[in-house]
Amino acid sequence: MVIDAEFPEEMLSSVSLEDGTKLIRAAAKTLIEGSEHSRSEVDAGEIDRNSLAFIQHSAGTTGLQKGVALSHGAVLRQLEHLARS
């Protein structure tokens, strides 16, 4: 699991890790390989909102467990809703 450099220390105890999972704190200015820009400087507008952000696995409470593909746009919309709440 990767967290950013600004993740609050006091919240680390709330992060649960499965056996064998490592917690990695990313540097604030990690260079993208072959690029002069840092990751924090990459414009989110450059990312296709329909491209895959990650796959979230369902708990399987209503059937078989399965992976659900989430796009960058879906994740950003959810974050916007949470921020307004």
N, C-alpha and C. Protein backbone atom coordinates (compact mmCIF):
# COMPACT_ATOMS: atom_id res chain seq x y z
N MET A 1 0.85 -1.15 0.00
CA MET A 1 0.00 0.00 0.00
C MET A 1 0.90 1.23 0.00
N VAL A 2 0.58 2.18 -0.84
CA VAL A 2 1.37 3.40 -0.94
C VAL A 2 0.56 4.58 -0.40
N ILE A 3 1.17 5.33 0.49
CA ILE A 3 0.55 6.57 1.00
C ILE A 3 1.48 7.72 0.61
N ASP A 4 0.92 8.92 0.56
CA ASP A 4 1.76 10.05 0.18
C ASP A 4 2.48 10.63 1.39
N ALA A 5 3.39 11.54 1.10
CA ALA A 5 4.23 12.12 2.14
C ALA A 5 3.43 12.94 3.14
N GLU A 6 2.23 13.39 2.77
CA GLU A 6 1.42 14.23 3.64
C GLU A 6 0.41 13.44 4.48
N PHE A 7 0.41 12.11 4.35
CA PHE A 7 -0.52 11.29 5.14
C PHE A 7 -0.20 11.50 6.63
N PRO A 8 -1.20 11.88 7.45
CA PRO A 8 -0.94 12.21 8.86
C PRO A 8 -0.45 11.00 9.67
N GLU A 9 0.60 11.20 10.43
CA GLU A 9 1.17 10.16 11.28
C GLU A 9 0.12 9.57 12.22
N GLU A 10 -0.75 10.43 12.77
CA GLU A 10 -1.74 9.96 13.74
C GLU A 10 -2.79 9.04 13.11
N MET A 11 -2.87 9.00 11.78
CA MET A 11 -3.83 8.14 11.10
C MET A 11 -3.24 6.77 10.74
N LEU A 12 -1.93 6.60 10.89
CA LEU A 12 -1.30 5.34 10.52
C LEU A 12 -1.86 4.15 11.28
N SER A 13 -2.27 4.34 12.52
CA SER A 13 -2.83 3.24 13.31
C SER A 13 -4.18 2.79 12.76
N SER A 14 -4.81 3.59 11.92
CA SER A 14 -6.10 3.24 11.32
C SER A 14 -5.95 2.47 10.01
N VAL A 15 -4.73 2.34 9.52
CA VAL A 15 -4.48 1.63 8.26
C VAL A 15 -4.31 0.16 8.57
N SER A 16 -5.16 -0.68 7.98
CA SER A 16 -5.04 -2.12 8.22
C SER A 16 -4.34 -2.76 7.03
N LEU A 17 -3.41 -3.65 7.35
CA LEU A 17 -2.62 -4.32 6.32
C LEU A 17 -2.80 -5.83 6.46
N GLU A 18 -2.95 -6.49 5.33
CA GLU A 18 -3.01 -7.95 5.32
C GLU A 18 -1.59 -8.49 5.52
N ASP A 19 -1.49 -9.76 5.87
CA ASP A 19 -0.18 -10.38 6.01
C ASP A 19 0.61 -10.24 4.72
N GLY A 20 1.85 -9.82 4.84
CA GLY A 20 2.72 -9.68 3.68
C GLY A 20 2.60 -8.36 2.95
N THR A 21 1.63 -7.50 3.33
CA THR A 21 1.47 -6.20 2.68
C THR A 21 2.40 -5.20 3.35
N LYS A 22 3.08 -4.43 2.52
CA LYS A 22 3.99 -3.41 3.04
C LYS A 22 3.37 -2.03 2.87
N LEU A 23 3.64 -1.17 3.82
CA LEU A 23 3.20 0.22 3.76
C LEU A 23 4.38 1.06 3.31
N ILE A 24 4.22 1.79 2.20
CA ILE A 24 5.29 2.60 1.64
C ILE A 24 4.84 4.05 1.61
N ARG A 25 5.66 4.92 2.17
CA ARG A 25 5.37 6.36 2.12
C ARG A 25 6.14 6.94 0.94
N ALA A 26 5.39 7.44 -0.04
CA ALA A 26 6.00 8.02 -1.24
C ALA A 26 6.61 9.37 -0.92
N ALA A 27 7.71 9.67 -1.55
CA ALA A 27 8.34 10.97 -1.38
C ALA A 27 7.46 12.04 -2.02
N ALA A 28 7.54 13.24 -1.50
CA ALA A 28 6.71 14.33 -2.01
C ALA A 28 7.05 14.67 -3.45
N LYS A 29 8.27 14.51 -3.85
CA LYS A 29 8.71 14.87 -5.20
C LYS A 29 9.39 13.67 -5.86
N THR A 30 8.63 12.61 -6.09
CA THR A 30 9.18 11.44 -6.77
C THR A 30 9.14 11.69 -8.27
N LEU A 31 10.26 11.54 -8.93
CA LEU A 31 10.32 11.79 -10.36
C LEU A 31 9.71 10.64 -11.14
N ILE A 32 8.95 10.97 -12.16
CA ILE A 32 8.44 9.97 -13.08
C ILE A 32 9.61 9.58 -13.97
N GLU A 33 9.85 8.29 -14.09
CA GLU A 33 10.98 7.82 -14.87
C GLU A 33 10.97 8.40 -16.28
N GLY A 34 12.07 8.98 -16.68
CA GLY A 34 12.19 9.54 -18.01
C GLY A 34 11.52 10.90 -18.17
N SER A 35 11.12 11.52 -17.07
CA SER A 35 10.42 12.80 -17.15
C SER A 35 11.13 13.83 -16.28
N GLU A 36 10.97 15.09 -16.63
CA GLU A 36 11.54 16.16 -15.82
C GLU A 36 10.55 16.63 -14.76
N HIS A 37 9.32 16.12 -14.78
CA HIS A 37 8.27 16.56 -13.86
C HIS A 37 8.17 15.62 -12.67
N SER A 38 7.79 16.15 -11.52
CA SER A 38 7.52 15.29 -10.37
C SER A 38 6.06 14.85 -10.45
N ARG A 39 5.73 13.80 -9.75
CA ARG A 39 4.35 13.30 -9.79
C ARG A 39 3.38 14.36 -9.28
N SER A 40 3.78 15.14 -8.30
CA SER A 40 2.89 16.15 -7.76
C SER A 40 2.65 17.28 -8.75
N GLU A 41 3.46 17.35 -9.80
CA GLU A 41 3.30 18.41 -10.78
C GLU A 41 2.53 17.96 -12.01
N VAL A 42 2.20 16.68 -12.10
CA VAL A 42 1.45 16.19 -13.26
C VAL A 42 0.03 16.70 -13.16
N ASP A 43 -0.46 17.33 -14.20
CA ASP A 43 -1.80 17.89 -14.24
C ASP A 43 -2.83 16.77 -14.33
N ALA A 44 -3.78 16.74 -13.39
CA ALA A 44 -4.83 15.72 -13.42
C ALA A 44 -5.64 15.78 -14.70
N GLY A 45 -5.65 16.94 -15.37
CA GLY A 45 -6.35 17.06 -16.63
C GLY A 45 -5.72 16.23 -17.74
N GLU A 46 -4.48 15.78 -17.53
CA GLU A 46 -3.79 14.95 -18.51
C GLU A 46 -4.25 13.50 -18.44
N ILE A 47 -4.95 13.12 -17.39
CA ILE A 47 -5.39 11.74 -17.19
C ILE A 47 -6.78 11.57 -17.81
N ASP A 48 -6.94 10.53 -18.61
CA ASP A 48 -8.24 10.22 -19.22
C ASP A 48 -9.19 9.75 -18.12
N ARG A 49 -10.29 10.48 -17.93
CA ARG A 49 -11.25 10.16 -16.88
C ARG A 49 -11.86 8.77 -17.05
N ASN A 50 -11.83 8.23 -18.26
CA ASN A 50 -12.40 6.91 -18.52
C ASN A 50 -11.39 5.78 -18.36
N SER A 51 -10.12 6.13 -18.14
CA SER A 51 -9.11 5.09 -18.00
C SER A 51 -9.18 4.45 -16.61
N LEU A 52 -8.67 3.25 -16.52
CA LEU A 52 -8.72 2.48 -15.29
C LEU A 52 -7.85 3.10 -14.21
N ALA A 53 -8.43 3.35 -13.03
CA ALA A 53 -7.67 3.84 -11.89
C ALA A 53 -7.19 2.66 -11.06
N PHE A 54 -8.10 1.75 -10.74
CA PHE A 54 -7.75 0.53 -10.00
C PHE A 54 -8.92 -0.44 -10.04
N ILE A 55 -8.67 -1.65 -9.58
CA ILE A 55 -9.72 -2.66 -9.47
C ILE A 55 -9.99 -2.88 -7.99
N GLN A 56 -11.24 -2.74 -7.59
CA GLN A 56 -11.65 -2.94 -6.21
C GLN A 56 -12.38 -4.26 -6.14
N HIS A 57 -12.01 -5.10 -5.20
CA HIS A 57 -12.65 -6.41 -5.08
C HIS A 57 -13.83 -6.32 -4.12
N SER A 58 -14.98 -6.84 -4.56
CA SER A 58 -16.18 -6.80 -3.74
C SER A 58 -16.05 -7.82 -2.61
N ALA A 59 -16.81 -7.62 -1.57
CA ALA A 59 -16.79 -8.53 -0.43
C ALA A 59 -17.50 -9.85 -0.73
N GLY A 60 -18.36 -9.85 -1.74
CA GLY A 60 -19.08 -11.06 -2.09
C GLY A 60 -20.25 -11.37 -1.17
N THR A 61 -20.80 -10.36 -0.51
CA THR A 61 -21.90 -10.59 0.43
C THR A 61 -23.19 -11.02 -0.27
N THR A 62 -23.36 -10.66 -1.55
CA THR A 62 -24.59 -11.04 -2.27
C THR A 62 -24.29 -12.06 -3.37
N GLY A 63 -23.12 -12.62 -3.37
CA GLY A 63 -22.75 -13.59 -4.39
C GLY A 63 -21.26 -13.81 -4.37
N LEU A 64 -20.71 -14.22 -5.50
CA LEU A 64 -19.28 -14.45 -5.58
C LEU A 64 -18.50 -13.15 -5.51
N GLN A 65 -17.30 -13.23 -4.92
CA GLN A 65 -16.42 -12.07 -4.93
C GLN A 65 -15.98 -11.80 -6.36
N LYS A 66 -15.91 -10.54 -6.74
CA LYS A 66 -15.45 -10.20 -8.08
C LYS A 66 -14.78 -8.84 -8.07
N GLY A 67 -13.93 -8.64 -9.07
CA GLY A 67 -13.26 -7.36 -9.21
C GLY A 67 -14.15 -6.36 -9.92
N VAL A 68 -14.14 -5.12 -9.46
CA VAL A 68 -14.91 -4.06 -10.08
C VAL A 68 -13.93 -3.00 -10.56
N ALA A 69 -13.90 -2.75 -11.87
CA ALA A 69 -12.99 -1.76 -12.44
C ALA A 69 -13.53 -0.36 -12.18
N LEU A 70 -12.71 0.51 -11.60
CA LEU A 70 -13.11 1.88 -11.32
C LEU A 70 -12.26 2.83 -12.15
N SER A 71 -12.93 3.72 -12.86
CA SER A 71 -12.23 4.70 -13.69
C SER A 71 -11.78 5.88 -12.82
N HIS A 72 -10.85 6.65 -13.36
CA HIS A 72 -10.40 7.86 -12.66
C HIS A 72 -11.58 8.81 -12.44
N GLY A 73 -12.46 8.93 -13.43
CA GLY A 73 -13.61 9.81 -13.31
C GLY A 73 -14.54 9.39 -12.18
N ALA A 74 -14.79 8.08 -12.06
CA ALA A 74 -15.67 7.57 -11.00
C ALA A 74 -15.07 7.85 -9.62
N VAL A 75 -13.77 7.64 -9.50
CA VAL A 75 -13.09 7.89 -8.22
C VAL A 75 -13.15 9.37 -7.87
N LEU A 76 -12.87 10.23 -8.85
CA LEU A 76 -12.91 11.67 -8.60
C LEU A 76 -14.32 12.15 -8.23
N ARG A 77 -15.35 11.61 -8.90
CA ARG A 77 -16.74 11.97 -8.55
C ARG A 77 -17.05 11.58 -7.12
N GLN A 78 -16.63 10.38 -6.71
CA GLN A 78 -16.88 9.93 -5.34
C GLN A 78 -16.16 10.83 -4.34
N LEU A 79 -14.94 11.21 -4.64
CA LEU A 79 -14.20 12.11 -3.74
C LEU A 79 -14.88 13.48 -3.63
N GLU A 80 -15.42 13.97 -4.75
CA GLU A 80 -16.14 15.24 -4.73
C GLU A 80 -17.38 15.14 -3.86
N HIS A 81 -18.12 14.04 -3.95
CA HIS A 81 -19.31 13.84 -3.11
C HIS A 81 -18.93 13.76 -1.64
N LEU A 82 -17.86 13.04 -1.35
CA LEU A 82 -17.41 12.93 0.04
C LEU A 82 -16.96 14.27 0.59
N ALA A 83 -16.26 15.06 -0.24
CA ALA A 83 -15.79 16.37 0.21
C ALA A 83 -16.97 17.30 0.54
N ARG A 84 -18.02 17.22 -0.27
CA ARG A 84 -19.21 18.06 0.00
C ARG A 84 -19.94 17.63 1.26
N SER A 85 -19.90 16.34 1.56
CA SER A 85 -20.58 15.83 2.75
C SER A 85 -19.85 16.28 4.00
